[in-house]
Amino acid sequence: MNSSVIWHQGLSFTGKADTGFEVPLGADPAVGGANDGFRPLELMAVSLAGCTAMDVISILMKKKQDVTSFEVRVQAEQAQEMPRVFTHAVIRYMVSGHAVDEAAVRRAIELTATNYCPAQAMLGKVVPLELVYEILEDEGNGNKRLVKEGKFQP
């Protein structure tokens, strides 16, 4: 896997990878940036969320779960001192659907955490990760009702 960043000006870059896709990178004006792109650590959090989300939804689809919407949120805390590394992160899986089985959700989270997601495997070696989930019943018309919530600990 290869990636690169190309500098434009100030603290503005474009990131590229083998796939050919590009992503803007920028910095906060307080440190000389133009607020014109993702911060590099934001992309690490997005990478973690995306990696585990793809695993979990794929597993839930294979388990024939009737999922109508799905979101993974990563809330990462950073050290106050430089280099401001992640010190703790909560990965929240929010699964909405019809009669979604809690055991299927827990198993999907277990598989991504222990077997499949390289982003989670790498970051989990240096950052404590907390895995929590919410299962919501989709009642239609945008209405959802929380039916289960829990924590997965590998």
N, C-alpha and C. Protein backbone atom coordinates (compact mmCIF):
# COMPACT_ATOMS: atom_id res chain seq x y z
N MET A 1 0.85 -1.17 0.00
CA MET A 1 0.00 0.00 0.00
C MET A 1 0.90 1.23 0.00
N ASN A 2 0.60 2.16 -0.88
CA ASN A 2 1.37 3.39 -0.98
C ASN A 2 0.43 4.57 -0.81
N SER A 3 0.94 5.62 -0.19
CA SER A 3 0.18 6.86 -0.07
C SER A 3 1.16 8.02 -0.11
N SER A 4 0.63 9.19 -0.38
CA SER A 4 1.47 10.38 -0.43
C SER A 4 0.62 11.60 -0.09
N VAL A 5 1.30 12.68 0.27
CA VAL A 5 0.64 13.97 0.40
C VAL A 5 1.39 14.96 -0.45
N ILE A 6 0.64 15.84 -1.09
CA ILE A 6 1.22 16.87 -1.95
C ILE A 6 0.90 18.21 -1.31
N TRP A 7 1.93 18.98 -1.08
CA TRP A 7 1.80 20.29 -0.45
C TRP A 7 1.30 21.31 -1.46
N HIS A 8 0.37 22.17 -1.02
CA HIS A 8 -0.14 23.25 -1.87
C HIS A 8 0.43 24.59 -1.40
N GLN A 9 0.16 24.92 -0.15
CA GLN A 9 0.67 26.15 0.46
C GLN A 9 0.38 26.08 1.95
N GLY A 10 1.08 26.86 2.72
CA GLY A 10 0.85 26.89 4.16
C GLY A 10 0.86 25.48 4.74
N LEU A 11 -0.25 25.12 5.37
CA LEU A 11 -0.42 23.76 5.90
C LEU A 11 -1.54 23.04 5.16
N SER A 12 -1.65 23.27 3.87
CA SER A 12 -2.67 22.65 3.03
C SER A 12 -2.03 21.60 2.12
N PHE A 13 -2.59 20.39 2.15
CA PHE A 13 -2.07 19.27 1.38
C PHE A 13 -3.24 18.51 0.75
N THR A 14 -2.93 17.67 -0.23
CA THR A 14 -3.87 16.68 -0.75
C THR A 14 -3.24 15.32 -0.54
N GLY A 15 -3.99 14.43 0.11
CA GLY A 15 -3.52 13.07 0.31
C GLY A 15 -4.02 12.17 -0.80
N LYS A 16 -3.17 11.25 -1.24
CA LYS A 16 -3.53 10.30 -2.29
C LYS A 16 -3.09 8.91 -1.88
N ALA A 17 -3.78 7.91 -2.43
CA ALA A 17 -3.42 6.52 -2.18
C ALA A 17 -3.52 5.73 -3.47
N ASP A 18 -3.15 4.45 -3.41
CA ASP A 18 -3.15 3.58 -4.58
C ASP A 18 -4.49 3.55 -5.31
N THR A 19 -5.58 3.73 -4.58
CA THR A 19 -6.90 3.67 -5.20
C THR A 19 -7.17 4.84 -6.13
N GLY A 20 -6.36 5.91 -6.00
CA GLY A 20 -6.55 7.08 -6.85
C GLY A 20 -7.42 8.15 -6.21
N PHE A 21 -8.04 7.84 -5.09
CA PHE A 21 -8.87 8.84 -4.43
C PHE A 21 -7.99 9.86 -3.72
N GLU A 22 -8.55 11.06 -3.54
CA GLU A 22 -7.83 12.14 -2.89
C GLU A 22 -8.64 12.65 -1.71
N VAL A 23 -7.93 13.19 -0.72
CA VAL A 23 -8.58 13.77 0.45
C VAL A 23 -7.81 15.03 0.85
N PRO A 24 -8.53 16.13 1.12
CA PRO A 24 -7.84 17.34 1.54
C PRO A 24 -7.39 17.24 3.00
N LEU A 25 -6.19 17.75 3.26
CA LEU A 25 -5.64 17.81 4.61
C LEU A 25 -5.35 19.26 4.94
N GLY A 26 -5.68 19.66 6.14
CA GLY A 26 -5.44 21.03 6.54
C GLY A 26 -5.21 21.12 8.03
N ALA A 27 -5.08 22.33 8.51
CA ALA A 27 -4.82 22.56 9.93
C ALA A 27 -5.65 23.74 10.42
N ASP A 28 -5.76 23.83 11.71
CA ASP A 28 -6.48 24.90 12.38
C ASP A 28 -5.75 26.23 12.16
N PRO A 29 -6.49 27.31 11.96
CA PRO A 29 -5.85 28.61 11.81
C PRO A 29 -4.96 29.00 13.01
N ALA A 30 -5.28 28.48 14.18
CA ALA A 30 -4.49 28.80 15.37
C ALA A 30 -3.04 28.33 15.25
N VAL A 31 -2.80 27.35 14.37
CA VAL A 31 -1.43 26.86 14.18
C VAL A 31 -0.91 27.19 12.78
N GLY A 32 -1.58 28.11 12.09
CA GLY A 32 -1.12 28.55 10.78
C GLY A 32 -1.81 27.91 9.60
N GLY A 33 -2.87 27.13 9.86
CA GLY A 33 -3.60 26.49 8.77
C GLY A 33 -4.71 27.35 8.22
N ALA A 34 -5.37 26.85 7.19
CA ALA A 34 -6.46 27.57 6.54
C ALA A 34 -7.81 26.90 6.78
N ASN A 35 -7.84 25.89 7.67
CA ASN A 35 -9.09 25.17 7.98
C ASN A 35 -9.74 24.63 6.70
N ASP A 36 -8.92 24.01 5.84
CA ASP A 36 -9.40 23.59 4.53
C ASP A 36 -9.30 22.09 4.28
N GLY A 37 -9.28 21.31 5.33
CA GLY A 37 -9.26 19.87 5.13
C GLY A 37 -9.24 19.12 6.45
N PHE A 38 -9.28 17.81 6.33
CA PHE A 38 -9.21 16.94 7.51
C PHE A 38 -7.90 17.16 8.24
N ARG A 39 -7.94 17.06 9.55
CA ARG A 39 -6.71 16.99 10.33
C ARG A 39 -6.24 15.54 10.24
N PRO A 40 -4.94 15.29 10.21
CA PRO A 40 -4.46 13.91 10.10
C PRO A 40 -5.03 12.96 11.15
N LEU A 41 -5.13 13.39 12.41
CA LEU A 41 -5.68 12.49 13.44
C LEU A 41 -7.18 12.26 13.25
N GLU A 42 -7.88 13.23 12.67
CA GLU A 42 -9.29 13.00 12.34
C GLU A 42 -9.40 11.82 11.38
N LEU A 43 -8.49 11.77 10.41
CA LEU A 43 -8.53 10.67 9.45
C LEU A 43 -8.24 9.33 10.11
N MET A 44 -7.42 9.33 11.16
CA MET A 44 -7.18 8.08 11.88
C MET A 44 -8.47 7.60 12.54
N ALA A 45 -9.23 8.52 13.12
CA ALA A 45 -10.49 8.16 13.75
C ALA A 45 -11.51 7.71 12.70
N VAL A 46 -11.56 8.42 11.58
CA VAL A 46 -12.47 8.03 10.49
C VAL A 46 -12.07 6.66 9.94
N SER A 47 -10.77 6.41 9.82
CA SER A 47 -10.28 5.11 9.36
C SER A 47 -10.73 3.99 10.29
N LEU A 48 -10.59 4.23 11.59
CA LEU A 48 -11.03 3.23 12.57
C LEU A 48 -12.52 2.97 12.45
N ALA A 49 -13.32 4.04 12.38
CA ALA A 49 -14.77 3.89 12.26
C ALA A 49 -15.15 3.16 10.98
N GLY A 50 -14.52 3.54 9.86
CA GLY A 50 -14.84 2.93 8.57
C GLY A 50 -14.46 1.47 8.50
N CYS A 51 -13.29 1.14 9.02
CA CYS A 51 -12.80 -0.24 8.98
C CYS A 51 -13.75 -1.17 9.75
N THR A 52 -14.05 -0.80 10.99
CA THR A 52 -14.90 -1.67 11.80
C THR A 52 -16.35 -1.66 11.29
N ALA A 53 -16.82 -0.53 10.77
CA ALA A 53 -18.18 -0.46 10.25
C ALA A 53 -18.38 -1.39 9.06
N MET A 54 -17.40 -1.44 8.16
CA MET A 54 -17.53 -2.32 7.00
C MET A 54 -17.61 -3.78 7.42
N ASP A 55 -16.82 -4.14 8.42
CA ASP A 55 -16.88 -5.52 8.93
C ASP A 55 -18.24 -5.82 9.53
N VAL A 56 -18.68 -4.96 10.45
CA VAL A 56 -19.91 -5.23 11.20
C VAL A 56 -21.11 -5.30 10.28
N ILE A 57 -21.27 -4.34 9.36
CA ILE A 57 -22.45 -4.38 8.50
C ILE A 57 -22.40 -5.59 7.57
N SER A 58 -21.22 -5.96 7.11
CA SER A 58 -21.09 -7.14 6.26
C SER A 58 -21.52 -8.40 7.02
N ILE A 59 -21.09 -8.52 8.25
CA ILE A 59 -21.46 -9.69 9.07
C ILE A 59 -22.95 -9.70 9.36
N LEU A 60 -23.51 -8.53 9.69
CA LEU A 60 -24.95 -8.47 9.97
C LEU A 60 -25.77 -8.81 8.73
N MET A 61 -25.31 -8.41 7.56
CA MET A 61 -26.03 -8.77 6.33
C MET A 61 -25.96 -10.27 6.10
N LYS A 62 -24.79 -10.89 6.34
CA LYS A 62 -24.65 -12.34 6.19
C LYS A 62 -25.53 -13.08 7.18
N LYS A 63 -25.76 -12.47 8.34
CA LYS A 63 -26.62 -13.08 9.36
C LYS A 63 -28.10 -12.75 9.13
N LYS A 64 -28.39 -12.14 7.98
CA LYS A 64 -29.76 -11.83 7.56
C LYS A 64 -30.50 -10.94 8.55
N GLN A 65 -29.77 -10.00 9.15
CA GLN A 65 -30.40 -9.06 10.06
C GLN A 65 -31.05 -7.95 9.24
N ASP A 66 -32.23 -7.52 9.64
CA ASP A 66 -32.99 -6.50 8.92
C ASP A 66 -32.56 -5.11 9.43
N VAL A 67 -31.40 -4.66 8.96
CA VAL A 67 -30.84 -3.37 9.37
C VAL A 67 -31.31 -2.30 8.40
N THR A 68 -31.88 -1.22 8.94
CA THR A 68 -32.37 -0.13 8.11
C THR A 68 -31.43 1.08 8.13
N SER A 69 -30.66 1.22 9.19
CA SER A 69 -29.61 2.25 9.23
C SER A 69 -28.53 1.80 10.21
N PHE A 70 -27.33 2.30 9.96
CA PHE A 70 -26.18 1.86 10.75
C PHE A 70 -25.17 3.00 10.79
N GLU A 71 -24.65 3.26 11.96
CA GLU A 71 -23.65 4.31 12.12
C GLU A 71 -22.62 3.85 13.15
N VAL A 72 -21.38 4.18 12.90
CA VAL A 72 -20.31 3.94 13.88
C VAL A 72 -19.70 5.30 14.19
N ARG A 73 -19.65 5.62 15.47
CA ARG A 73 -19.05 6.87 15.92
C ARG A 73 -17.80 6.54 16.75
N VAL A 74 -16.76 7.28 16.53
CA VAL A 74 -15.54 7.15 17.32
C VAL A 74 -15.34 8.47 18.05
N GLN A 75 -15.28 8.39 19.35
CA GLN A 75 -14.96 9.55 20.18
C GLN A 75 -13.59 9.30 20.78
N ALA A 76 -12.60 10.03 20.31
CA ALA A 76 -11.22 9.83 20.75
C ALA A 76 -10.77 11.00 21.62
N GLU A 77 -10.21 10.67 22.76
CA GLU A 77 -9.63 11.69 23.64
C GLU A 77 -8.15 11.81 23.31
N GLN A 78 -7.65 13.03 23.39
CA GLN A 78 -6.24 13.28 23.08
C GLN A 78 -5.51 13.82 24.31
N ALA A 79 -4.23 13.51 24.38
CA ALA A 79 -3.39 14.05 25.44
C ALA A 79 -3.34 15.57 25.33
N GLN A 80 -3.18 16.24 26.44
CA GLN A 80 -3.08 17.70 26.44
C GLN A 80 -1.73 18.17 25.94
N GLU A 81 -0.70 17.34 26.19
CA GLU A 81 0.66 17.72 25.80
C GLU A 81 0.96 17.18 24.41
N MET A 82 1.90 17.84 23.76
CA MET A 82 2.36 17.38 22.46
C MET A 82 3.06 16.05 22.65
N PRO A 83 2.90 15.08 21.84
CA PRO A 83 2.33 15.13 20.49
C PRO A 83 0.81 14.89 20.42
N ARG A 84 0.06 15.09 21.48
CA ARG A 84 -1.41 15.01 21.50
C ARG A 84 -1.96 13.70 20.93
N VAL A 85 -1.36 12.59 21.33
CA VAL A 85 -1.78 11.27 20.88
C VAL A 85 -3.15 10.93 21.46
N PHE A 86 -3.81 9.96 20.86
CA PHE A 86 -5.05 9.45 21.43
C PHE A 86 -4.71 8.76 22.75
N THR A 87 -5.52 9.02 23.77
CA THR A 87 -5.31 8.38 25.07
C THR A 87 -6.42 7.39 25.41
N HIS A 88 -7.54 7.49 24.73
CA HIS A 88 -8.69 6.60 24.96
C HIS A 88 -9.68 6.84 23.83
N ALA A 89 -10.37 5.81 23.42
CA ALA A 89 -11.40 5.99 22.39
C ALA A 89 -12.59 5.09 22.67
N VAL A 90 -13.76 5.62 22.38
CA VAL A 90 -15.00 4.86 22.47
C VAL A 90 -15.51 4.67 21.05
N ILE A 91 -15.73 3.42 20.68
CA ILE A 91 -16.34 3.09 19.39
C ILE A 91 -17.79 2.73 19.69
N ARG A 92 -18.72 3.50 19.14
CA ARG A 92 -20.15 3.29 19.39
C ARG A 92 -20.82 2.81 18.11
N TYR A 93 -21.37 1.61 18.16
CA TYR A 93 -22.08 1.01 17.04
C TYR A 93 -23.57 1.27 17.25
N MET A 94 -24.22 1.93 16.30
CA MET A 94 -25.64 2.24 16.40
C MET A 94 -26.36 1.53 15.27
N VAL A 95 -27.08 0.47 15.64
CA VAL A 95 -27.74 -0.39 14.66
C VAL A 95 -29.25 -0.20 14.78
N SER A 96 -29.87 0.22 13.69
CA SER A 96 -31.33 0.37 13.67
C SER A 96 -31.89 -0.63 12.68
N GLY A 97 -33.06 -1.17 13.01
CA GLY A 97 -33.70 -2.11 12.11
C GLY A 97 -34.93 -2.71 12.73
N HIS A 98 -35.30 -3.88 12.20
CA HIS A 98 -36.49 -4.59 12.66
C HIS A 98 -36.06 -5.89 13.33
N ALA A 99 -36.31 -5.99 14.63
CA ALA A 99 -36.01 -7.20 15.41
C ALA A 99 -34.55 -7.64 15.24
N VAL A 100 -33.63 -6.69 15.31
CA VAL A 100 -32.20 -7.01 15.19
C VAL A 100 -31.78 -7.79 16.43
N ASP A 101 -31.12 -8.90 16.21
CA ASP A 101 -30.72 -9.81 17.28
C ASP A 101 -29.45 -9.31 17.98
N GLU A 102 -29.53 -9.13 19.29
CA GLU A 102 -28.39 -8.64 20.05
C GLU A 102 -27.19 -9.58 19.93
N ALA A 103 -27.44 -10.88 19.93
CA ALA A 103 -26.33 -11.84 19.81
C ALA A 103 -25.60 -11.66 18.48
N ALA A 104 -26.33 -11.35 17.42
CA ALA A 104 -25.70 -11.13 16.11
C ALA A 104 -24.85 -9.87 16.13
N VAL A 105 -25.32 -8.83 16.78
CA VAL A 105 -24.56 -7.59 16.88
C VAL A 105 -23.29 -7.82 17.70
N ARG A 106 -23.42 -8.48 18.84
CA ARG A 106 -22.26 -8.76 19.68
C ARG A 106 -21.23 -9.60 18.94
N ARG A 107 -21.68 -10.60 18.20
CA ARG A 107 -20.77 -11.47 17.46
C ARG A 107 -20.06 -10.69 16.35
N ALA A 108 -20.78 -9.81 15.67
CA ALA A 108 -20.17 -9.00 14.62
C ALA A 108 -19.10 -8.08 15.21
N ILE A 109 -19.39 -7.49 16.36
CA ILE A 109 -18.41 -6.64 17.03
C ILE A 109 -17.21 -7.47 17.49
N GLU A 110 -17.47 -8.66 18.00
CA GLU A 110 -16.38 -9.54 18.42
C GLU A 110 -15.46 -9.89 17.25
N LEU A 111 -16.05 -10.24 16.12
CA LEU A 111 -15.25 -10.62 14.96
C LEU A 111 -14.42 -9.47 14.42
N THR A 112 -15.00 -8.27 14.35
CA THR A 112 -14.22 -7.13 13.87
C THR A 112 -13.09 -6.81 14.84
N ALA A 113 -13.36 -6.92 16.14
CA ALA A 113 -12.37 -6.57 17.16
C ALA A 113 -11.23 -7.58 17.25
N THR A 114 -11.55 -8.85 17.01
CA THR A 114 -10.54 -9.89 17.25
C THR A 114 -9.94 -10.48 15.98
N ASN A 115 -10.62 -10.34 14.83
CA ASN A 115 -10.15 -11.03 13.63
C ASN A 115 -9.94 -10.16 12.39
N TYR A 116 -10.80 -9.17 12.19
CA TYR A 116 -10.88 -8.57 10.86
C TYR A 116 -10.34 -7.16 10.69
N CYS A 117 -10.56 -6.27 11.62
CA CYS A 117 -10.26 -4.84 11.39
C CYS A 117 -8.81 -4.50 11.73
N PRO A 118 -7.97 -4.27 10.70
CA PRO A 118 -6.57 -3.94 10.99
C PRO A 118 -6.40 -2.60 11.70
N ALA A 119 -7.26 -1.64 11.43
CA ALA A 119 -7.15 -0.34 12.11
C ALA A 119 -7.39 -0.52 13.60
N GLN A 120 -8.38 -1.31 13.95
CA GLN A 120 -8.68 -1.55 15.36
C GLN A 120 -7.57 -2.37 16.02
N ALA A 121 -7.03 -3.35 15.30
CA ALA A 121 -5.94 -4.16 15.84
C ALA A 121 -4.71 -3.31 16.11
N MET A 122 -4.36 -2.41 15.20
CA MET A 122 -3.18 -1.56 15.39
C MET A 122 -3.39 -0.54 16.50
N LEU A 123 -4.47 0.22 16.41
CA LEU A 123 -4.69 1.26 17.42
C LEU A 123 -4.94 0.67 18.80
N GLY A 124 -5.59 -0.50 18.84
CA GLY A 124 -5.87 -1.14 20.12
C GLY A 124 -4.62 -1.56 20.88
N LYS A 125 -3.50 -1.66 20.19
CA LYS A 125 -2.24 -2.00 20.86
C LYS A 125 -1.68 -0.83 21.66
N VAL A 126 -2.08 0.38 21.32
CA VAL A 126 -1.52 1.56 21.98
C VAL A 126 -2.56 2.48 22.62
N VAL A 127 -3.83 2.27 22.31
CA VAL A 127 -4.90 3.12 22.83
C VAL A 127 -5.99 2.23 23.42
N PRO A 128 -6.38 2.46 24.67
CA PRO A 128 -7.51 1.70 25.20
C PRO A 128 -8.78 2.00 24.40
N LEU A 129 -9.42 0.96 23.90
CA LEU A 129 -10.65 1.09 23.11
C LEU A 129 -11.82 0.54 23.89
N GLU A 130 -12.90 1.28 23.94
CA GLU A 130 -14.13 0.85 24.59
C GLU A 130 -15.16 0.63 23.48
N LEU A 131 -15.76 -0.55 23.42
CA LEU A 131 -16.71 -0.88 22.36
C LEU A 131 -18.11 -0.95 22.96
N VAL A 132 -18.98 -0.07 22.51
CA VAL A 132 -20.35 -0.05 23.01
C VAL A 132 -21.32 -0.11 21.83
N TYR A 133 -22.52 -0.58 22.10
CA TYR A 133 -23.50 -0.67 21.02
C TYR A 133 -24.87 -0.26 21.50
N GLU A 134 -25.67 0.19 20.55
CA GLU A 134 -27.08 0.49 20.74
C GLU A 134 -27.85 -0.20 19.63
N ILE A 135 -28.92 -0.87 20.00
CA ILE A 135 -29.81 -1.47 19.01
C ILE A 135 -31.14 -0.74 19.12
N LEU A 136 -31.57 -0.19 17.99
CA LEU A 136 -32.80 0.58 17.97
C LEU A 136 -33.81 -0.09 17.05
N GLU A 137 -35.05 -0.11 17.47
CA GLU A 137 -36.13 -0.63 16.64
C GLU A 137 -36.61 0.51 15.74
N ASP A 138 -36.58 0.28 14.44
CA ASP A 138 -37.04 1.27 13.47
C ASP A 138 -38.56 1.17 13.39
N GLU A 139 -39.23 2.19 13.91
CA GLU A 139 -40.70 2.19 13.94
C GLU A 139 -41.31 2.93 12.76
N GLY A 140 -40.47 3.35 11.81
CA GLY A 140 -40.96 4.05 10.62
C GLY A 140 -41.09 5.54 10.85
N ASN A 141 -41.23 6.27 9.77
CA ASN A 141 -41.38 7.73 9.81
C ASN A 141 -40.27 8.42 10.59
N GLY A 142 -39.07 7.83 10.57
CA GLY A 142 -37.95 8.43 11.27
C GLY A 142 -37.91 8.17 12.76
N ASN A 143 -38.89 7.43 13.26
CA ASN A 143 -38.95 7.14 14.70
C ASN A 143 -38.17 5.86 15.01
N LYS A 144 -37.32 5.95 16.04
CA LYS A 144 -36.53 4.81 16.48
C LYS A 144 -36.62 4.72 17.99
N ARG A 145 -36.67 3.48 18.48
CA ARG A 145 -36.79 3.24 19.91
C ARG A 145 -35.64 2.37 20.36
N LEU A 146 -34.92 2.81 21.38
CA LEU A 146 -33.81 2.04 21.92
C LEU A 146 -34.35 0.77 22.57
N VAL A 147 -33.84 -0.39 22.12
CA VAL A 147 -34.29 -1.65 22.71
C VAL A 147 -33.18 -2.36 23.49
N LYS A 148 -31.94 -2.13 23.13
CA LYS A 148 -30.82 -2.78 23.82
C LYS A 148 -29.60 -1.87 23.73
N GLU A 149 -28.81 -1.89 24.76
CA GLU A 149 -27.50 -1.25 24.71
C GLU A 149 -26.57 -2.07 25.57
N GLY A 150 -25.33 -2.03 25.21
CA GLY A 150 -24.37 -2.82 25.96
C GLY A 150 -22.95 -2.47 25.61
N LYS A 151 -22.05 -3.23 26.19
CA LYS A 151 -20.61 -3.02 26.00
C LYS A 151 -20.01 -4.36 25.63
N PHE A 152 -19.11 -4.35 24.66
CA PHE A 152 -18.40 -5.57 24.31
C PHE A 152 -16.97 -5.45 24.81
N GLN A 153 -16.50 -6.48 25.50
CA GLN A 153 -15.13 -6.52 25.98
C GLN A 153 -14.47 -7.78 25.47
N PRO A 154 -13.50 -7.59 24.55
CA PRO A 154 -12.83 -8.78 24.00
C PRO A 154 -12.01 -9.52 25.05
